[in-house]
């Protein structure tokens, strides 16, 4: 890894008055969670369903085929034993040191919070909460996991329980969007990691950035490559670990 680039990245973090991280599926793949587009991603593991993950995870499909939806959902979202990886831990440590204002994530796995991050804005919701699609009653994840293999329904009204995940065809939470846009607009340094920036409207919120520096950490090219001052093609966990080691080394020398 280019030590000079790591040094420059660390310097940007340490001197920024406001830093925000915007991340996607690639942040969690190092924890063993599959993304959509990699060689071993969900596109290559759901052939038995005959339809794409986007179709299964749509509002229409949920309403029409809740049995297939939950078969897929239980398999790929509720059986995970994933733990935070070095990227999650580094971001939580930066926040603890007052060097990171917010994590804006497209992920629903809760690994940022598990690592210790406190100001996490989950654009696409979370697998940890559920509500009745008919009466709105709330349910914990454990109540739904206990019904693995079945369609979870509300005991009060019989409505199908809906995960607190934003499905395709559904709108994002307005409060989360507003807070995310405000954080991006106020940032001086924007770190983009583990995302192809192909999912909208989430990717469009980066258009509100008016700061000075963008650092991009992603395996493949993105639409924001031309706007980034620094680009890393290494794994995000390795990159963030190297940055944290440099920051710690400088701190020890002071």
Protein backbone atom coordinates (compact mmCIF):
# COMPACT_ATOMS: atom_id res chain seq x y z
CA UNK A 1 0.00 0.00 0.00
CA UNK A 2 1.27 3.47 -0.91
CA UNK A 3 2.55 4.93 2.37
CA UNK A 4 2.52 8.46 1.01
CA UNK A 5 -1.18 8.19 0.18
CA UNK A 6 -1.89 6.76 3.62
CA UNK A 7 -0.01 9.68 5.18
CA UNK A 8 -2.01 12.16 3.11
CA UNK A 9 -5.28 10.44 4.03
CA UNK A 10 -4.40 10.51 7.73
CA UNK A 11 -3.51 14.18 7.48
CA UNK A 12 -6.85 15.00 5.87
CA UNK A 13 -8.69 13.24 8.69
CA UNK A 14 -6.70 14.94 11.41
CA UNK A 15 -7.07 18.42 9.95
CA UNK A 16 -10.68 18.28 8.80
CA UNK A 17 -13.20 20.30 10.80
CA UNK A 18 -15.97 17.89 9.77
CA UNK A 19 -15.65 14.39 8.31
CA UNK A 20 -18.42 12.08 7.13
CA UNK A 21 -18.20 8.48 5.93
CA UNK A 22 -20.59 7.19 3.24
CA UNK A 23 -20.48 3.42 2.78
CA UNK A 24 -22.09 0.47 1.07
CA UNK A 25 -22.03 -3.31 0.87
CA UNK A 26 -18.27 -3.49 0.39
CA UNK A 27 -17.77 -2.35 3.99
CA UNK A 28 -19.35 -5.57 5.25
CA UNK A 29 -18.03 -8.11 2.74
CA UNK A 30 -14.87 -8.45 4.84
CA UNK A 31 -17.17 -9.65 7.64
CA UNK A 32 -18.43 -12.42 5.37
CA UNK A 33 -21.67 -10.74 4.30
CA UNK A 34 -22.36 -11.19 0.60
CA UNK A 35 -22.90 -8.19 -1.64
CA UNK A 36 -24.87 -8.23 -4.88
CA UNK A 37 -22.35 -7.77 -7.63
CA UNK A 38 -19.19 -9.64 -6.67
CA UNK A 39 -18.34 -13.06 -8.08
CA UNK A 40 -19.80 -14.83 -5.05
CA UNK A 41 -22.53 -12.27 -4.42
CA UNK A 42 -26.25 -12.81 -4.09
CA UNK A 43 -26.78 -12.87 -7.86
CA UNK A 44 -24.92 -16.18 -7.94
CA UNK A 45 -26.54 -17.75 -4.89
CA UNK A 46 -30.27 -17.33 -5.55
CA UNK A 47 -30.64 -19.24 -8.78
CA UNK A 48 -33.16 -21.49 -7.07
CA UNK A 49 -35.58 -18.56 -6.86
CA UNK A 50 -35.53 -17.77 -10.55
CA UNK A 51 -35.62 -14.01 -9.97
CA UNK A 52 -33.09 -11.33 -8.99
CA UNK A 53 -32.51 -10.19 -5.40
CA UNK A 54 -33.98 -6.79 -6.31
CA UNK A 55 -37.26 -8.40 -7.34
CA UNK A 56 -37.47 -10.56 -4.23
CA UNK A 57 -36.66 -7.56 -2.03
CA UNK A 58 -39.36 -5.40 -3.58
CA UNK A 59 -42.59 -4.19 -2.01
CA UNK A 60 -44.65 -5.89 -4.72
CA UNK A 61 -42.95 -9.25 -4.26
CA UNK A 62 -43.27 -9.00 -0.47
CA UNK A 63 -47.02 -8.43 -0.82
CA UNK A 64 -47.58 -11.13 -3.46
CA UNK A 65 -45.15 -13.83 -2.30
CA UNK A 66 -44.40 -13.39 1.43
CA UNK A 67 -43.47 -17.07 1.69
CA UNK A 68 -40.69 -16.81 -0.91
CA UNK A 69 -39.65 -13.40 0.41
CA UNK A 70 -39.14 -14.73 3.92
CA UNK A 71 -37.45 -17.91 2.72
CA UNK A 72 -34.86 -15.69 1.03
CA UNK A 73 -34.77 -13.18 3.89
CA UNK A 74 -34.24 -15.80 6.59
CA UNK A 75 -31.45 -17.42 4.58
CA UNK A 76 -29.46 -14.33 3.65
CA UNK A 77 -30.23 -11.79 6.35
CA UNK A 78 -31.17 -13.54 9.58
CA UNK A 79 -28.68 -16.41 9.68
CA UNK A 80 -25.59 -14.23 9.66
CA UNK A 81 -23.04 -14.59 12.46
CA UNK A 82 -21.01 -11.69 11.10
CA UNK A 83 -18.85 -9.56 13.38
CA UNK A 84 -17.48 -6.05 12.79
CA UNK A 85 -14.32 -6.02 10.70
CA UNK A 86 -11.34 -3.62 10.84
CA UNK A 87 -13.17 -1.03 8.73
CA UNK A 88 -16.10 -0.86 11.18
CA UNK A 89 -13.72 -0.74 14.14
CA UNK A 90 -11.56 2.00 12.62
CA UNK A 91 -14.56 4.20 11.89
CA UNK A 92 -15.87 3.73 15.43
CA UNK A 93 -12.45 4.69 16.81
CA UNK A 94 -12.33 7.81 14.65
CA UNK A 95 -15.71 8.87 15.99
CA UNK A 96 -14.57 8.19 19.56
CA UNK A 97 -11.58 10.48 18.99
CA UNK A 98 -13.79 13.24 17.60
CA UNK A 99 -12.43 12.81 14.07
CA UNK A 100 -15.61 11.51 12.43
CA UNK A 101 -19.02 13.15 12.67
CA UNK A 102 -21.27 10.56 11.08
CA UNK A 103 -21.47 7.23 9.29
CA UNK A 104 -24.04 7.12 6.51
CA UNK A 105 -24.60 3.55 5.42
CA UNK A 106 -26.62 1.71 2.81
CA UNK A 107 -26.18 -1.50 4.82
CA UNK A 108 -28.81 -2.98 7.10
CA UNK A 109 -26.61 -5.32 9.17
CA UNK A 110 -25.97 -3.13 12.24
CA UNK A 111 -22.23 -3.83 12.22
CA UNK A 112 -21.29 -0.16 12.58
CA UNK A 113 -23.23 0.03 15.84
CA UNK A 114 -21.78 -3.31 16.97
CA UNK A 115 -18.30 -1.85 16.45
CA UNK A 116 -19.15 1.13 18.65
CA UNK A 117 -20.24 3.84 16.20
CA UNK A 118 -22.98 5.98 17.69
CA UNK A 119 -24.04 8.44 14.99
CA UNK A 120 -25.07 5.96 12.27
CA UNK A 121 -27.61 6.94 9.63
CA UNK A 122 -29.08 3.81 8.03
CA UNK A 123 -30.55 4.89 4.70
CA UNK A 124 -32.03 1.48 3.94
CA UNK A 125 -33.18 0.59 7.44
CA UNK A 126 -32.16 -2.31 9.67
CA UNK A 127 -32.73 -6.04 10.11
CA UNK A 128 -33.06 -5.53 13.85
CA UNK A 129 -36.56 -4.05 13.83
CA UNK A 130 -39.95 -5.19 12.46
CA UNK A 131 -43.49 -3.91 12.29
CA UNK A 132 -46.91 -5.19 11.31
CA UNK A 133 -47.78 -4.14 7.77
CA UNK A 134 -51.42 -3.76 8.83
CA UNK A 135 -51.59 -2.26 12.35
CA UNK A 136 -48.01 -0.98 12.68
CA UNK A 137 -47.22 -2.90 15.86
CA UNK A 138 -43.50 -3.28 16.61
CA UNK A 139 -41.64 -6.59 16.94
CA UNK A 140 -38.04 -7.44 17.92
CA UNK A 141 -35.78 -9.42 15.61
CA UNK A 142 -35.76 -12.44 17.94
CA UNK A 143 -39.53 -12.81 17.61
CA UNK A 144 -39.17 -13.06 13.84
CA UNK A 145 -36.10 -15.33 13.95
CA UNK A 146 -38.05 -17.74 16.15
CA UNK A 147 -40.45 -18.26 13.25
CA UNK A 148 -37.78 -19.29 10.73
CA UNK A 149 -39.43 -21.24 7.94
CA UNK A 150 -42.78 -19.54 8.43
CA UNK A 151 -44.38 -16.27 7.39
CA UNK A 152 -44.34 -14.10 10.54
CA UNK A 153 -47.74 -12.59 11.23
CA UNK A 154 -49.06 -10.21 13.86
CA UNK A 155 -50.89 -12.00 16.70
CA UNK A 156 -53.22 -9.03 17.15
CA UNK A 157 -54.49 -8.45 13.61
CA UNK A 158 -53.03 -11.19 11.42
CA UNK A 159 -51.06 -8.79 9.24
CA UNK A 160 -47.77 -9.92 7.73
CA UNK A 161 -44.79 -8.58 9.66
CA UNK A 162 -42.57 -6.27 7.61
CA UNK A 163 -38.85 -5.84 8.35
CA UNK A 164 -37.71 -2.29 9.13
CA UNK A 165 -35.77 -2.50 5.88
CA UNK A 166 -36.57 -0.22 2.97
CA UNK A 167 -37.60 -2.54 0.16
CA UNK A 168 -37.36 -1.64 -3.50
CA UNK A 169 -40.38 0.51 -4.53
CA UNK A 170 -40.56 1.95 -0.99
CA UNK A 171 -39.46 5.44 0.01
CA UNK A 172 -36.56 6.12 2.34
CA UNK A 173 -37.20 7.48 5.82
CA UNK A 174 -37.51 11.25 5.44
CA UNK A 175 -35.80 12.07 8.74
CA UNK A 176 -32.82 9.82 7.94
CA UNK A 177 -32.50 11.35 4.48
CA UNK A 178 -32.61 14.90 5.83
CA UNK A 179 -29.99 14.18 8.48
CA UNK A 180 -27.76 12.46 5.91
CA UNK A 181 -28.01 15.33 3.44
CA UNK A 182 -27.25 17.84 6.18
CA UNK A 183 -24.21 15.86 7.33
CA UNK A 184 -22.86 15.60 3.77
CA UNK A 185 -23.52 19.28 3.07
CA UNK A 186 -21.65 20.33 6.23
CA UNK A 187 -18.66 18.03 5.73
CA UNK A 188 -15.22 19.27 4.75
CA UNK A 189 -13.95 15.71 4.12
CA UNK A 190 -16.13 13.00 2.62
CA UNK A 191 -14.87 9.41 2.76
CA UNK A 192 -16.68 7.08 0.36
CA UNK A 193 -16.06 3.39 0.90
CA UNK A 194 -17.26 0.01 -0.31
CA UNK A 195 -19.91 1.24 -2.73
CA UNK A 196 -20.29 1.29 -6.50
CA UNK A 197 -22.58 4.33 -6.12
CA UNK A 198 -25.06 2.58 -8.40
CA UNK A 199 -28.00 2.52 -5.97
CA UNK A 200 -30.36 5.50 -6.10
CA UNK A 201 -31.57 7.67 -4.54
CA UNK A 202 -28.87 7.04 -1.91
CA UNK A 203 -25.96 7.80 -4.25
CA UNK A 204 -27.58 11.06 -5.35
CA UNK A 205 -27.16 12.55 -1.86
CA UNK A 206 -23.44 12.92 -2.49
CA UNK A 207 -24.39 15.76 -4.81
CA UNK A 208 -24.96 17.91 -1.71
CA UNK A 209 -21.26 17.77 -0.80
CA UNK A 210 -19.66 21.21 -0.94
CA UNK A 211 -16.49 20.44 0.98
CA UNK A 212 -12.88 20.38 -0.13
CA UNK A 213 -11.80 16.74 -0.10
CA UNK A 214 -13.17 13.38 -1.23
CA UNK A 215 -11.36 10.12 -0.48
CA UNK A 216 -12.67 7.06 -2.28
CA UNK A 217 -11.98 3.47 -1.21
CA UNK A 218 -13.47 0.93 -3.58
CA UNK A 219 -12.35 -2.09 -5.55
CA UNK A 220 -13.91 -0.90 -8.82
CA UNK A 221 -14.36 2.42 -10.56
CA UNK A 222 -17.23 4.68 -9.51
CA UNK A 223 -18.90 7.79 -10.96
CA UNK A 224 -17.05 9.85 -8.32
CA UNK A 225 -13.53 8.78 -9.23
CA UNK A 226 -12.98 12.05 -11.09
CA UNK A 227 -13.97 14.07 -8.02
CA UNK A 228 -11.79 12.22 -5.52
CA UNK A 229 -8.43 13.61 -4.46
CA UNK A 230 -7.35 10.18 -3.21
CA UNK A 231 -8.44 6.78 -4.51
CA UNK A 232 -7.63 3.44 -2.89
CA UNK A 233 -8.32 0.15 -4.70
CA UNK A 234 -7.33 -1.95 -1.68
CA UNK A 235 -9.78 -3.53 0.76
CA UNK A 236 -11.39 -0.93 2.94
CA UNK A 237 -10.45 -2.76 6.15
CA UNK A 238 -6.78 -2.82 5.18
CA UNK A 239 -6.84 0.83 4.13
CA UNK A 240 -8.50 2.06 7.31
CA UNK A 241 -6.22 -0.08 9.47
CA UNK A 242 -3.16 1.46 7.80
CA UNK A 243 -4.55 4.96 8.35
CA UNK A 244 -5.29 4.28 12.01
CA UNK A 245 -1.79 2.90 12.56
CA UNK A 246 -0.30 6.05 11.03
CA UNK A 247 -2.49 8.29 13.20
CA UNK A 248 -1.57 6.30 16.28
CA UNK A 249 2.12 6.43 15.44
CA UNK A 250 2.00 10.20 15.05
CA UNK A 251 0.12 10.54 18.31
CA UNK A 252 2.76 8.47 20.14
CA UNK A 253 5.56 10.63 18.75
CA UNK A 254 4.02 13.90 19.91
